[in-house]
Every structure is written in C-alpha cells, then in structure tokens.
Amino acid sequence: MKRPDAPRQRDETIRRALLRSLRAGPATALELSALVGIREREVADHLAHLERSLRRSDERLLVEPARCAACGYRFTQRTRLSRPSACPRCRAERIEPPVFRIGPADGG
C-alpha cells in the first residue's frame, strides 16, 4: 500500500506562485504545473482567476493561442485556457498548448 505524500508547505499561495512564474517568462500549463507543484489540469482554473484579479492592475494575462501541429490551425477564437483536444480543421490530436505570460495592460 502506497503511503500518501505529506502536503507541501507553501510560503505563498498557488496564484501568487503562478504570477511569479509568469513574470519570470512565458510558460505552458505543463511547465507551470511543474514550477508551482500542482496538477496540469488545475492550472487553467487558477489562471482564469488570476486573469480576473489582474484586471484591477496594470498587468494582464496574455495568451499565445494553441496551434495544431499537423496543419498549423491557430485557436485564436478559443476563450478557455486549457489545451484543445482536437483540431476542428483536420481532426488531428497533436495540439501545441497555449503559452501564457504576464504583460502590460495596454497589450504591449
């Protein structure tokens, strides 16, 4: 029987850790999950909350959209922050994930 791991002690919240990591440079959800210590599937929910929180500041969460590795289709109209499962154009499932970063509110 596998013993459950002890919970990690945090000196900052998950969202503050995500913000710190994104200020250091762009990252995918997989990279953020490794940096912050959460599951990849949890990252999108935290990023959505972080995006709302940043509206009150001079920073924004910027997203480089996911892209189909087979045909190059870019998911520019997608509002969800998670990786799409398949390309609507060619139905391929090899999708390059979206890349997130923090930038100025003016979009630059």
PDB file of N, CA and C in Angstrom:
ATOM      1  N   MET A   1       0.840  -1.183   0.000  1.00  0.00           N
ATOM      2  CA  MET A   1       0.000   0.000   0.000  1.00  0.00           C
ATOM      3  C   MET A   1       0.885   1.246   0.000  1.00  0.00           C
ATOM      4  N   LYS A   2       0.608   2.136  -0.931  1.00  0.00           N
ATOM      5  CA  LYS A   2       1.401   3.354  -1.039  1.00  0.00           C
ATOM      6  C   LYS A   2       0.942   4.369   0.002  1.00  0.00           C
ATOM      7  N   ARG A   3       1.905   4.941   0.677  1.00  0.00           N
ATOM      8  CA  ARG A   3       1.616   5.941   1.689  1.00  0.00           C
ATOM      9  C   ARG A   3       1.388   7.301   1.034  1.00  0.00           C
ATOM     10  N   PRO A   4       0.352   8.031   1.413  1.00  0.00           N
ATOM     11  CA  PRO A   4       0.131   9.342   0.795  1.00  0.00           C
ATOM     12  C   PRO A   4       1.246  10.307   1.180  1.00  0.00           C
ATOM     13  N   ASP A   5       1.593  11.143   0.221  1.00  0.00           N
ATOM     14  CA  ASP A   5       2.615  12.150   0.480  1.00  0.00           C
ATOM     15  C   ASP A   5       2.079  13.199   1.444  1.00  0.00           C
ATOM     16  N   ALA A   6       2.961  13.699   2.266  1.00  0.00           N
ATOM     17  CA  ALA A   6       2.579  14.780   3.162  1.00  0.00           C
ATOM     18  C   ALA A   6       2.346  16.040   2.335  1.00  0.00           C
ATOM     19  N   PRO A   7       1.356  16.848   2.689  1.00  0.00           N
ATOM     20  CA  PRO A   7       1.118  18.080   1.931  1.00  0.00           C
ATOM     21  C   PRO A   7       2.335  18.992   2.006  1.00  0.00           C
ATOM     22  N   ARG A   8       2.638  19.617   0.872  1.00  0.00           N
ATOM     23  CA  ARG A   8       3.770  20.544   0.849  1.00  0.00           C
ATOM     24  C   ARG A   8       3.395  21.822   1.571  1.00  0.00           C
ATOM     25  N   GLN A   9       4.334  22.332   2.330  1.00  0.00           N
ATOM     26  CA  GLN A   9       4.103  23.613   2.980  1.00  0.00           C
ATOM     27  C   GLN A   9       4.379  24.706   1.970  1.00  0.00           C
ATOM     28  N   ARG A  10       3.522  25.690   1.953  1.00  0.00           N
ATOM     29  CA  ARG A  10       3.664  26.784   0.990  1.00  0.00           C
ATOM     30  C   ARG A  10       3.903  28.085   1.749  1.00  0.00           C
ATOM     31  N   ASP A  11       4.840  28.845   1.244  1.00  0.00           N
ATOM     32  CA  ASP A  11       5.057  30.162   1.822  1.00  0.00           C
ATOM     33  C   ASP A  11       4.339  31.222   0.981  1.00  0.00           C
ATOM     34  N   GLU A  12       3.696  30.790  -0.136  1.00  0.00           N
ATOM     35  CA  GLU A  12       2.885  31.685  -0.936  1.00  0.00           C
ATOM     36  C   GLU A  12       1.717  30.883  -1.529  1.00  0.00           C
ATOM     37  N   THR A  13       0.680  31.586  -1.924  1.00  0.00           N
ATOM     38  CA  THR A  13      -0.470  30.895  -2.497  1.00  0.00           C
ATOM     39  C   THR A  13      -0.125  30.377  -3.894  1.00  0.00           C
ATOM     40  N   ILE A  14      -0.950  29.478  -4.386  1.00  0.00           N
ATOM     41  CA  ILE A  14      -0.732  28.930  -5.726  1.00  0.00           C
ATOM     42  C   ILE A  14      -0.787  30.045  -6.760  1.00  0.00           C
ATOM     43  N   ARG A  15      -1.741  30.933  -6.620  1.00  0.00           N
ATOM     44  CA  ARG A  15      -1.889  32.001  -7.618  1.00  0.00           C
ATOM     45  C   ARG A  15      -0.743  32.990  -7.566  1.00  0.00           C
ATOM     46  N   ARG A  16      -0.231  33.270  -6.391  1.00  0.00           N
ATOM     47  CA  ARG A  16       0.953  34.145  -6.311  1.00  0.00           C
ATOM     48  C   ARG A  16       2.167  33.457  -6.931  1.00  0.00           C
ATOM     49  N   ALA A  17       2.278  32.148  -6.724  1.00  0.00           N
ATOM     50  CA  ALA A  17       3.377  31.396  -7.326  1.00  0.00           C
ATOM     51  C   ALA A  17       3.250  31.378  -8.846  1.00  0.00           C
ATOM     52  N   LEU A  18       2.026  31.237  -9.351  1.00  0.00           N
ATOM     53  CA  LEU A  18       1.810  31.297 -10.797  1.00  0.00           C
ATOM     54  C   LEU A  18       2.187  32.669 -11.342  1.00  0.00           C
ATOM     55  N   LEU A  19       1.758  33.707 -10.652  1.00  0.00           N
ATOM     56  CA  LEU A  19       2.067  35.073 -11.080  1.00  0.00           C
ATOM     57  C   LEU A  19       3.574  35.300 -11.100  1.00  0.00           C
ATOM     58  N   ARG A  20       4.253  34.857 -10.061  1.00  0.00           N
ATOM     59  CA  ARG A  20       5.709  34.998 -10.002  1.00  0.00           C
ATOM     60  C   ARG A  20       6.374  34.252 -11.158  1.00  0.00           C
ATOM     61  N   SER A  21       5.909  33.046 -11.430  1.00  0.00           N
ATOM     62  CA  SER A  21       6.480  32.243 -12.510  1.00  0.00           C
ATOM     63  C   SER A  21       6.233  32.883 -13.871  1.00  0.00           C
ATOM     64  N   LEU A  22       5.037  33.428 -14.071  1.00  0.00           N
ATOM     65  CA  LEU A  22       4.727  34.059 -15.357  1.00  0.00           C
ATOM     66  C   LEU A  22       5.457  35.379 -15.545  1.00  0.00           C
ATOM     67  N   ARG A  23       5.716  36.074 -14.457  1.00  0.00           N
ATOM     68  CA  ARG A  23       6.501  37.314 -14.566  1.00  0.00           C
ATOM     69  C   ARG A  23       7.940  37.005 -14.971  1.00  0.00           C
ATOM     70  N   ALA A  24       8.408  35.817 -14.641  1.00  0.00           N
ATOM     71  CA  ALA A  24       9.773  35.411 -14.995  1.00  0.00           C
ATOM     72  C   ALA A  24       9.899  35.067 -16.476  1.00  0.00           C
ATOM     73  N   GLY A  25       8.767  34.718 -17.117  1.00  0.00           N
ATOM     74  CA  GLY A  25       8.804  34.394 -18.534  1.00  0.00           C
ATOM     75  C   GLY A  25       7.617  33.560 -18.949  1.00  0.00           C
ATOM     76  N   PRO A  26       7.416  33.415 -20.257  1.00  0.00           N
ATOM     77  CA  PRO A  26       6.276  32.654 -20.754  1.00  0.00           C
ATOM     78  C   PRO A  26       6.377  31.175 -20.398  1.00  0.00           C
ATOM     79  N   ALA A  27       5.202  30.537 -20.267  1.00  0.00           N
ATOM     80  CA  ALA A  27       5.184  29.118 -19.901  1.00  0.00           C
ATOM     81  C   ALA A  27       3.864  28.479 -20.326  1.00  0.00           C
ATOM     82  N   THR A  28       3.910  27.180 -20.556  1.00  0.00           N
ATOM     83  CA  THR A  28       2.705  26.401 -20.834  1.00  0.00           C
ATOM     84  C   THR A  28       2.109  25.931 -19.513  1.00  0.00           C
ATOM     85  N   ALA A  29       0.917  25.368 -19.567  1.00  0.00           N
ATOM     86  CA  ALA A  29       0.277  24.847 -18.359  1.00  0.00           C
ATOM     87  C   ALA A  29       1.110  23.724 -17.743  1.00  0.00           C
ATOM     88  N   LEU A  30       1.700  22.884 -18.582  1.00  0.00           N
ATOM     89  CA  LEU A  30       2.537  21.790 -18.078  1.00  0.00           C
ATOM     90  C   LEU A  30       3.755  22.342 -17.342  1.00  0.00           C
ATOM     91  N   GLU A  31       4.389  23.345 -17.915  1.00  0.00           N
ATOM     92  CA  GLU A  31       5.557  23.948 -17.265  1.00  0.00           C
ATOM     93  C   GLU A  31       5.163  24.630 -15.952  1.00  0.00           C
ATOM     94  N   LEU A  32       4.022  25.318 -15.959  1.00  0.00           N
ATOM     95  CA  LEU A  32       3.558  25.974 -14.739  1.00  0.00           C
ATOM     96  C   LEU A  32       3.224  24.967 -13.653  1.00  0.00           C
ATOM     97  N   SER A  33       2.629  23.844 -14.046  1.00  0.00           N
ATOM     98  CA  SER A  33       2.283  22.832 -13.046  1.00  0.00           C
ATOM     99  C   SER A  33       3.537  22.293 -12.364  1.00  0.00           C
ATOM    100  N   ALA A  34       4.600  22.121 -13.130  1.00  0.00           N
ATOM    101  CA  ALA A  34       5.854  21.637 -12.553  1.00  0.00           C
ATOM    102  C   ALA A  34       6.490  22.702 -11.653  1.00  0.00           C
ATOM    103  N   LEU A  35       6.434  23.959 -12.069  1.00  0.00           N
ATOM    104  CA  LEU A  35       7.038  25.037 -11.289  1.00  0.00           C
ATOM    105  C   LEU A  35       6.311  25.285  -9.974  1.00  0.00           C
ATOM    106  N   VAL A  36       4.990  25.174 -10.008  1.00  0.00           N
ATOM    107  CA  VAL A  36       4.179  25.524  -8.845  1.00  0.00           C
ATOM    108  C   VAL A  36       3.857  24.314  -7.979  1.00  0.00           C
ATOM    109  N   GLY A  37       3.879  23.131  -8.569  1.00  0.00           N
ATOM    110  CA  GLY A  37       3.621  21.920  -7.802  1.00  0.00           C
ATOM    111  C   GLY A  37       2.159  21.527  -7.736  1.00  0.00           C
ATOM    112  N   ILE A  38       1.412  21.781  -8.818  1.00  0.00           N
ATOM    113  CA  ILE A  38       0.014  21.358  -8.898  1.00  0.00           C
ATOM    114  C   ILE A  38      -0.168  20.538 -10.165  1.00  0.00           C
ATOM    115  N   ARG A  39      -1.332  19.876 -10.285  1.00  0.00           N
ATOM    116  CA  ARG A  39      -1.604  19.097 -11.487  1.00  0.00           C
ATOM    117  C   ARG A  39      -1.887  20.023 -12.670  1.00  0.00           C
ATOM    118  N   GLU A  40      -1.509  19.573 -13.857  1.00  0.00           N
ATOM    119  CA  GLU A  40      -1.700  20.391 -15.059  1.00  0.00           C
ATOM    120  C   GLU A  40      -3.163  20.779 -15.251  1.00  0.00           C
ATOM    121  N   ARG A  41      -4.078  19.874 -14.953  1.00  0.00           N
ATOM    122  CA  ARG A  41      -5.492  20.167 -15.170  1.00  0.00           C
ATOM    123  C   ARG A  41      -6.017  21.232 -14.217  1.00  0.00           C
ATOM    124  N   GLU A  42      -5.311  21.529 -13.132  1.00  0.00           N
ATOM    125  CA  GLU A  42      -5.730  22.564 -12.187  1.00  0.00           C
ATOM    126  C   GLU A  42      -5.270  23.956 -12.614  1.00  0.00           C
ATOM    127  N   VAL A  43      -4.279  24.011 -13.475  1.00  0.00           N
ATOM    128  CA  VAL A  43      -3.669  25.286 -13.845  1.00  0.00           C
ATOM    129  C   VAL A  43      -4.675  26.229 -14.501  1.00  0.00           C
ATOM    130  N   ALA A  44      -5.507  25.739 -15.422  1.00  0.00           N
ATOM    131  CA  ALA A  44      -6.444  26.597 -16.154  1.00  0.00           C
ATOM    132  C   ALA A  44      -7.391  27.336 -15.213  1.00  0.00           C
ATOM    133  N   ASP A  45      -7.902  26.647 -14.187  1.00  0.00           N
ATOM    134  CA  ASP A  45      -8.802  27.307 -13.239  1.00  0.00           C
ATOM    135  C   ASP A  45      -8.097  28.420 -12.475  1.00  0.00           C
ATOM    136  N   HIS A  46      -6.879  28.157 -12.045  1.00  0.00           N
ATOM    137  CA  HIS A  46      -6.115  29.177 -11.327  1.00  0.00           C
ATOM    138  C   HIS A  46      -5.770  30.352 -12.247  1.00  0.00           C
ATOM    139  N   LEU A  47      -5.448  30.062 -13.504  1.00  0.00           N
ATOM    140  CA  LEU A  47      -5.133  31.138 -14.445  1.00  0.00           C
ATOM    141  C   LEU A  47      -6.362  31.994 -14.733  1.00  0.00           C
ATOM    142  N   ALA A  48      -7.543  31.378 -14.814  1.00  0.00           N
ATOM    143  CA  ALA A  48      -8.769  32.144 -15.036  1.00  0.00           C
ATOM    144  C   ALA A  48      -9.007  33.112 -13.880  1.00  0.00           C
ATOM    145  N   HIS A  49      -8.777  32.652 -12.669  1.00  0.00           N
ATOM    146  CA  HIS A  49      -8.942  33.531 -11.510  1.00  0.00           C
ATOM    147  C   HIS A  49      -7.878  34.623 -11.518  1.00  0.00           C
ATOM    148  N   LEU A  50      -6.659  34.255 -11.849  1.00  0.00           N
ATOM    149  CA  LEU A  50      -5.572  35.232 -11.917  1.00  0.00           C
ATOM    150  C   LEU A  50      -5.872  36.290 -12.979  1.00  0.00           C
ATOM    151  N   GLU A  51      -6.423  35.864 -14.098  1.00  0.00           N
ATOM    152  CA  GLU A  51      -6.790  36.794 -15.164  1.00  0.00           C
ATOM    153  C   GLU A  51      -7.799  37.822 -14.663  1.00  0.00           C
ATOM    154  N   ARG A  52      -8.799  37.368 -13.914  1.00  0.00           N
ATOM    155  CA  ARG A  52      -9.798  38.290 -13.344  1.00  0.00           C
ATOM    156  C   ARG A  52      -9.152  39.231 -12.325  1.00  0.00           C
ATOM    157  N   SER A  53      -8.265  38.713 -11.506  1.00  0.00           N
ATOM    158  CA  SER A  53      -7.613  39.528 -10.477  1.00  0.00           C
ATOM    159  C   SER A  53      -6.732  40.609 -11.091  1.00  0.00           C
ATOM    160  N   LEU A  54      -6.104  40.301 -12.202  1.00  0.00           N
ATOM    161  CA  LEU A  54      -5.192  41.256 -12.834  1.00  0.00           C
ATOM    162  C   LEU A  54      -5.920  42.421 -13.489  1.00  0.00           C
ATOM    163  N   ARG A  55      -7.224  42.311 -13.682  1.00  0.00           N
ATOM    164  CA  ARG A  55      -7.987  43.408 -14.293  1.00  0.00           C
ATOM    165  C   ARG A  55      -7.920  44.682 -13.468  1.00  0.00           C
ATOM    166  N   ARG A  56      -7.649  44.539 -12.177  1.00  0.00           N
ATOM    167  CA  ARG A  56      -7.555  45.704 -11.285  1.00  0.00           C
ATOM    168  C   ARG A  56      -6.158  46.297 -11.260  1.00  0.00           C
ATOM    169  N   SER A  57      -5.236  45.734 -12.039  1.00  0.00           N
ATOM    170  CA  SER A  57      -3.853  46.208 -12.015  1.00  0.00           C
ATOM    171  C   SER A  57      -3.448  46.699 -13.408  1.00  0.00           C
ATOM    172  N   ASP A  58      -2.187  47.030 -13.552  1.00  0.00           N
ATOM    173  CA  ASP A  58      -1.676  47.471 -14.856  1.00  0.00           C
ATOM    174  C   ASP A  58      -1.049  46.318 -15.635  1.00  0.00           C
ATOM    175  N   GLU A  59      -1.345  45.084 -15.230  1.00  0.00           N
ATOM    176  CA  GLU A  59      -0.841  43.893 -15.913  1.00  0.00           C
ATOM    177  C   GLU A  59      -2.018  43.066 -16.432  1.00  0.00           C
ATOM    178  N   ARG A  60      -1.736  42.228 -17.426  1.00  0.00           N
ATOM    179  CA  ARG A  60      -2.740  41.332 -17.977  1.00  0.00           C
ATOM    180  C   ARG A  60      -2.117  39.971 -18.234  1.00  0.00           C
ATOM    181  N   LEU A  61      -2.970  38.948 -18.201  1.00  0.00           N
ATOM    182  CA  LEU A  61      -2.558  37.612 -18.609  1.00  0.00           C
ATOM    183  C   LEU A  61      -2.686  37.564 -20.130  1.00  0.00           C
ATOM    184  N   LEU A  62      -1.581  37.361 -20.813  1.00  0.00           N
ATOM    185  CA  LEU A  62      -1.575  37.282 -22.266  1.00  0.00           C
ATOM    186  C   LEU A  62      -1.427  35.825 -22.673  1.00  0.00           C
ATOM    187  N   VAL A  63      -2.180  35.430 -23.700  1.00  0.00           N
ATOM    188  CA  VAL A  63      -2.208  34.038 -24.121  1.00  0.00           C
ATOM    189  C   VAL A  63      -1.841  33.942 -25.592  1.00  0.00           C
ATOM    190  N   GLU A  64      -0.790  33.172 -25.879  1.00  0.00           N
ATOM    191  CA  GLU A  64      -0.478  32.814 -27.257  1.00  0.00           C
ATOM    192  C   GLU A  64      -1.290  31.561 -27.540  1.00  0.00           C
ATOM    193  N   PRO A  65      -2.212  31.605 -28.505  1.00  0.00           N
ATOM    194  CA  PRO A  65      -3.155  30.502 -28.672  1.00  0.00           C
ATOM    195  C   PRO A  65      -2.504  29.170 -29.033  1.00  0.00           C
ATOM    196  N   ALA A  66      -3.231  28.103 -28.705  1.00  0.00           N
ATOM    197  CA  ALA A  66      -2.798  26.753 -29.075  1.00  0.00           C
ATOM    198  C   ALA A  66      -2.751  26.659 -30.598  1.00  0.00           C
ATOM    199  N   ARG A  67      -1.956  25.685 -31.094  1.00  0.00           N
ATOM    200  CA  ARG A  67      -1.797  25.526 -32.537  1.00  0.00           C
ATOM    201  C   ARG A  67      -1.752  24.051 -32.879  1.00  0.00           C
ATOM    202  N   CYS A  68      -2.400  23.688 -33.982  1.00  0.00           N
ATOM    203  CA  CYS A  68      -2.371  22.306 -34.453  1.00  0.00           C
ATOM    204  C   CYS A  68      -1.002  22.023 -35.050  1.00  0.00           C
ATOM    205  N   ALA A  69      -0.368  20.968 -34.591  1.00  0.00           N
ATOM    206  CA  ALA A  69       0.966  20.607 -35.097  1.00  0.00           C
ATOM    207  C   ALA A  69       0.893  20.035 -36.503  1.00  0.00           C
ATOM    208  N   ALA A  70      -0.269  19.524 -36.915  1.00  0.00           N
ATOM    209  CA  ALA A  70      -0.398  18.902 -38.231  1.00  0.00           C
ATOM    210  C   ALA A  70      -0.652  19.924 -39.344  1.00  0.00           C
ATOM    211  N   CYS A  71      -1.615  20.815 -39.138  1.00  0.00           N
ATOM    212  CA  CYS A  71      -1.978  21.737 -40.227  1.00  0.00           C
ATOM    213  C   CYS A  71      -1.693  23.202 -39.913  1.00  0.00           C
ATOM    214  N   GLY A  72      -1.316  23.515 -38.675  1.00  0.00           N
ATOM    215  CA  GLY A  72      -0.976  24.890 -38.316  1.00  0.00           C
ATOM    216  C   GLY A  72      -2.146  25.748 -37.880  1.00  0.00           C
ATOM    217  N   TYR A  73      -3.342  25.179 -37.798  1.00  0.00           N
ATOM    218  CA  TYR A  73      -4.514  25.939 -37.366  1.00  0.00           C
ATOM    219  C   TYR A  73      -4.256  26.548 -35.999  1.00  0.00           C
ATOM    220  N   ARG A  74      -4.566  27.850 -35.856  1.00  0.00           N
ATOM    221  CA  ARG A  74      -4.395  28.548 -34.578  1.00  0.00           C
ATOM    222  C   ARG A  74      -5.764  28.758 -33.941  1.00  0.00           C
ATOM    223  N   PHE A  75      -5.872  28.435 -32.677  1.00  0.00           N
ATOM    224  CA  PHE A  75      -7.123  28.528 -31.931  1.00  0.00           C
ATOM    225  C   PHE A  75      -7.317  29.941 -31.388  1.00  0.00           C
ATOM    226  N   THR A  76      -7.374  30.928 -32.265  1.00  0.00           N
ATOM    227  CA  THR A  76      -7.435  32.330 -31.844  1.00  0.00           C
ATOM    228  C   THR A  76      -8.771  32.718 -31.225  1.00  0.00           C
ATOM    229  N   GLN A  77      -9.851  32.045 -31.582  1.00  0.00           N
ATOM    230  CA  GLN A  77     -11.169  32.380 -31.046  1.00  0.00           C
ATOM    231  C   GLN A  77     -11.479  31.669 -29.734  1.00  0.00           C
ATOM    232  N   ARG A  78     -10.613  30.785 -29.309  1.00  0.00           N
ATOM    233  CA  ARG A  78     -10.860  29.992 -28.096  1.00  0.00           C
ATOM    234  C   ARG A  78     -10.668  30.854 -26.857  1.00  0.00           C
ATOM    235  N   THR A  79     -11.651  30.804 -25.951  1.00  0.00           N
ATOM    236  CA  THR A  79     -11.556  31.589 -24.718  1.00  0.00           C
ATOM    237  C   THR A  79     -11.121  30.751 -23.529  1.00  0.00           C
ATOM    238  N   ARG A  80     -11.323  29.431 -23.599  1.00  0.00           N
ATOM    239  CA  ARG A  80     -10.879  28.569 -22.495  1.00  0.00           C
ATOM    240  C   ARG A  80      -9.353  28.520 -22.469  1.00  0.00           C
ATOM    241  N   LEU A  81      -8.792  28.407 -21.283  1.00  0.00           N
ATOM    242  CA  LEU A  81      -7.343  28.436 -21.128  1.00  0.00           C
ATOM    243  C   LEU A  81      -6.699  27.058 -21.203  1.00  0.00           C
ATOM    244  N   SER A  82      -7.507  26.014 -21.293  1.00  0.00           N
ATOM    245  CA  SER A  82      -6.968  24.666 -21.382  1.00  0.00           C
ATOM    246  C   SER A  82      -6.592  24.322 -22.830  1.00  0.00           C
ATOM    247  N   ARG A  83      -5.856  23.237 -23.002  1.00  0.00           N
ATOM    248  CA  ARG A  83      -5.438  22.799 -24.323  1.00  0.00           C
ATOM    249  C   ARG A  83      -6.627  22.136 -25.032  1.00  0.00           C
ATOM    250  N   PRO A  84      -6.878  22.485 -26.303  1.00  0.00           N
ATOM    251  CA  PRO A  84      -7.949  21.814 -27.044  1.00  0.00           C
ATOM    252  C   PRO A  84      -7.606  20.349 -27.284  1.00  0.00           C
ATOM    253  N   SER A  85      -8.608  19.522 -27.486  1.00  0.00           N
ATOM    254  CA  SER A  85      -8.352  18.092 -27.666  1.00  0.00           C
ATOM    255  C   SER A  85      -8.102  17.711 -29.119  1.00  0.00           C
ATOM    256  N   ALA A  86      -8.713  18.435 -30.068  1.00  0.00           N
ATOM    257  CA  ALA A  86      -8.541  18.088 -31.481  1.00  0.00           C
ATOM    258  C   ALA A  86      -8.714  19.339 -32.337  1.00  0.00           C
ATOM    259  N   CYS A  87      -8.124  19.303 -33.507  1.00  0.00           N
ATOM    260  CA  CYS A  87      -8.202  20.413 -34.455  1.00  0.00           C
ATOM    261  C   CYS A  87      -9.541  20.362 -35.191  1.00  0.00           C
ATOM    262  N   PRO A  88     -10.256  21.484 -35.267  1.00  0.00           N
ATOM    263  CA  PRO A  88     -11.528  21.477 -35.988  1.00  0.00           C
ATOM    264  C   PRO A  88     -11.354  21.385 -37.503  1.00  0.00           C
ATOM    265  N   ARG A  89     -10.175  21.741 -37.993  1.00  0.00           N
ATOM    266  CA  ARG A  89      -9.931  21.713 -39.432  1.00  0.00           C
ATOM    267  C   ARG A  89      -9.558  20.317 -39.921  1.00  0.00           C
ATOM    268  N   CYS A  90      -8.557  19.677 -39.272  1.00  0.00           N
ATOM    269  CA  CYS A  90      -8.049  18.392 -39.780  1.00  0.00           C
ATOM    270  C   CYS A  90      -8.304  17.219 -38.831  1.00  0.00           C
ATOM    271  N   ARG A  91      -8.865  17.495 -37.662  1.00  0.00           N
ATOM    272  CA  ARG A  91      -9.178  16.477 -36.649  1.00  0.00           C
ATOM    273  C   ARG A  91      -7.943  15.837 -36.002  1.00  0.00           C
ATOM    274  N   ALA A  92      -6.774  16.376 -36.246  1.00  0.00           N
ATOM    275  CA  ALA A  92      -5.564  15.859 -35.610  1.00  0.00           C
ATOM    276  C   ALA A  92      -5.630  16.149 -34.112  1.00  0.00           C
ATOM    277  N   GLU A  93      -4.983  15.316 -33.334  1.00  0.00           N
ATOM    278  CA  GLU A  93      -4.973  15.496 -31.883  1.00  0.00           C
ATOM    279  C   GLU A  93      -3.622  15.956 -31.354  1.00  0.00           C
ATOM    280  N   ARG A  94      -2.687  16.228 -32.238  1.00  0.00           N
ATOM    281  CA  ARG A  94      -1.381  16.756 -31.816  1.00  0.00           C
ATOM    282  C   ARG A  94      -1.481  18.276 -31.768  1.00  0.00           C
ATOM    283  N   ILE A  95      -1.814  18.771 -30.623  1.00  0.00           N
ATOM    284  CA  ILE A  95      -2.044  20.200 -30.438  1.00  0.00           C
ATOM    285  C   ILE A  95      -0.938  20.777 -29.559  1.00  0.00           C
ATOM    286  N   GLU A  96      -0.280  21.821 -30.067  1.00  0.00           N
ATOM    287  CA  GLU A  96       0.711  22.522 -29.246  1.00  0.00           C
ATOM    288  C   GLU A  96      -0.062  23.398 -28.264  1.00  0.00           C
ATOM    289  N   PRO A  97       0.286  23.335 -26.983  1.00  0.00           N
ATOM    290  CA  PRO A  97      -0.508  24.022 -25.960  1.00  0.00           C
ATOM    291  C   PRO A  97      -0.376  25.540 -26.038  1.00  0.00           C
ATOM    292  N   PRO A  98      -1.339  26.253 -25.460  1.00  0.00           N
ATOM    293  CA  PRO A  98      -1.210  27.704 -25.375  1.00  0.00           C
ATOM    294  C   PRO A  98      -0.053  28.076 -24.446  1.00  0.00           C
ATOM    295  N   VAL A  99       0.517  29.236 -24.710  1.00  0.00           N
ATOM    296  CA  VAL A  99       1.619  29.747 -23.898  1.00  0.00           C
ATOM    297  C   VAL A  99       1.126  31.007 -23.196  1.00  0.00           C
ATOM    298  N   PHE A 100       1.369  31.077 -21.906  1.00  0.00           N
ATOM    299  CA  PHE A 100       0.885  32.182 -21.085  1.00  0.00           C
ATOM    300  C   PHE A 100       2.048  33.061 -20.657  1.00  0.00           C
ATOM    301  N   ARG A 101       1.750  34.356 -20.514  1.00  0.00           N
ATOM    302  CA  ARG A 101       2.734  35.292 -19.967  1.00  0.00           C
ATOM    303  C   ARG A 101       1.999  36.476 -19.360  1.00  0.00           C
ATOM    304  N   ILE A 102       2.713  37.249 -18.586  1.00  0.00           N
ATOM    305  CA  ILE A 102       2.163  38.469 -17.993  1.00  0.00           C
ATOM    306  C   ILE A 102       2.744  39.638 -18.770  1.00  0.00           C
ATOM    307  N   GLY A 103       1.871  40.553 -19.137  1.00  0.00           N
ATOM    308  CA  GLY A 103       2.310  41.733 -19.884  1.00  0.00           C
ATOM    309  C   GLY A 103       1.557  42.967 -19.424  1.00  0.00           C
ATOM    310  N   PRO A 104       1.923  44.107 -19.984  1.00  0.00           N
ATOM    311  CA  PRO A 104       1.237  45.357 -19.605  1.00  0.00           C
ATOM    312  C   PRO A 104      -0.209  45.366 -20.082  1.00  0.00           C
ATOM    313  N   ALA A 105      -1.039  46.125 -19.387  1.00  0.00           N
ATOM    314  CA  ALA A 105      -2.468  46.191 -19.697  1.00  0.00           C
ATOM    315  C   ALA A 105      -2.726  46.766 -21.066  1.00  0.00           C
ATOM    316  N   ASP A 106      -1.822  47.553 -21.592  1.00  0.00           N
ATOM    317  CA  ASP A 106      -2.049  48.153 -22.910  1.00  0.00           C
ATOM    318  C   ASP A 106      -1.794  47.179 -24.050  1.00  0.00           C
ATOM    319  N   GLY A 107      -1.443  45.917 -23.713  1.00  0.00           N
ATOM    320  CA  GLY A 107      -1.277  44.871 -24.725  1.00  0.00           C
ATOM    321  C   GLY A 107       0.112  44.731 -25.290  1.00  0.00           C
ATOM    322  N   GLY A 108       1.034  45.559 -24.897  1.00  0.00           N
ATOM    323  CA  GLY A 108       2.376  45.535 -25.470  1.00  0.00           C
ATOM    324  C   GLY A 108       3.285  44.614 -24.833  1.00  0.00           C
TER     325      GLY A 108
END
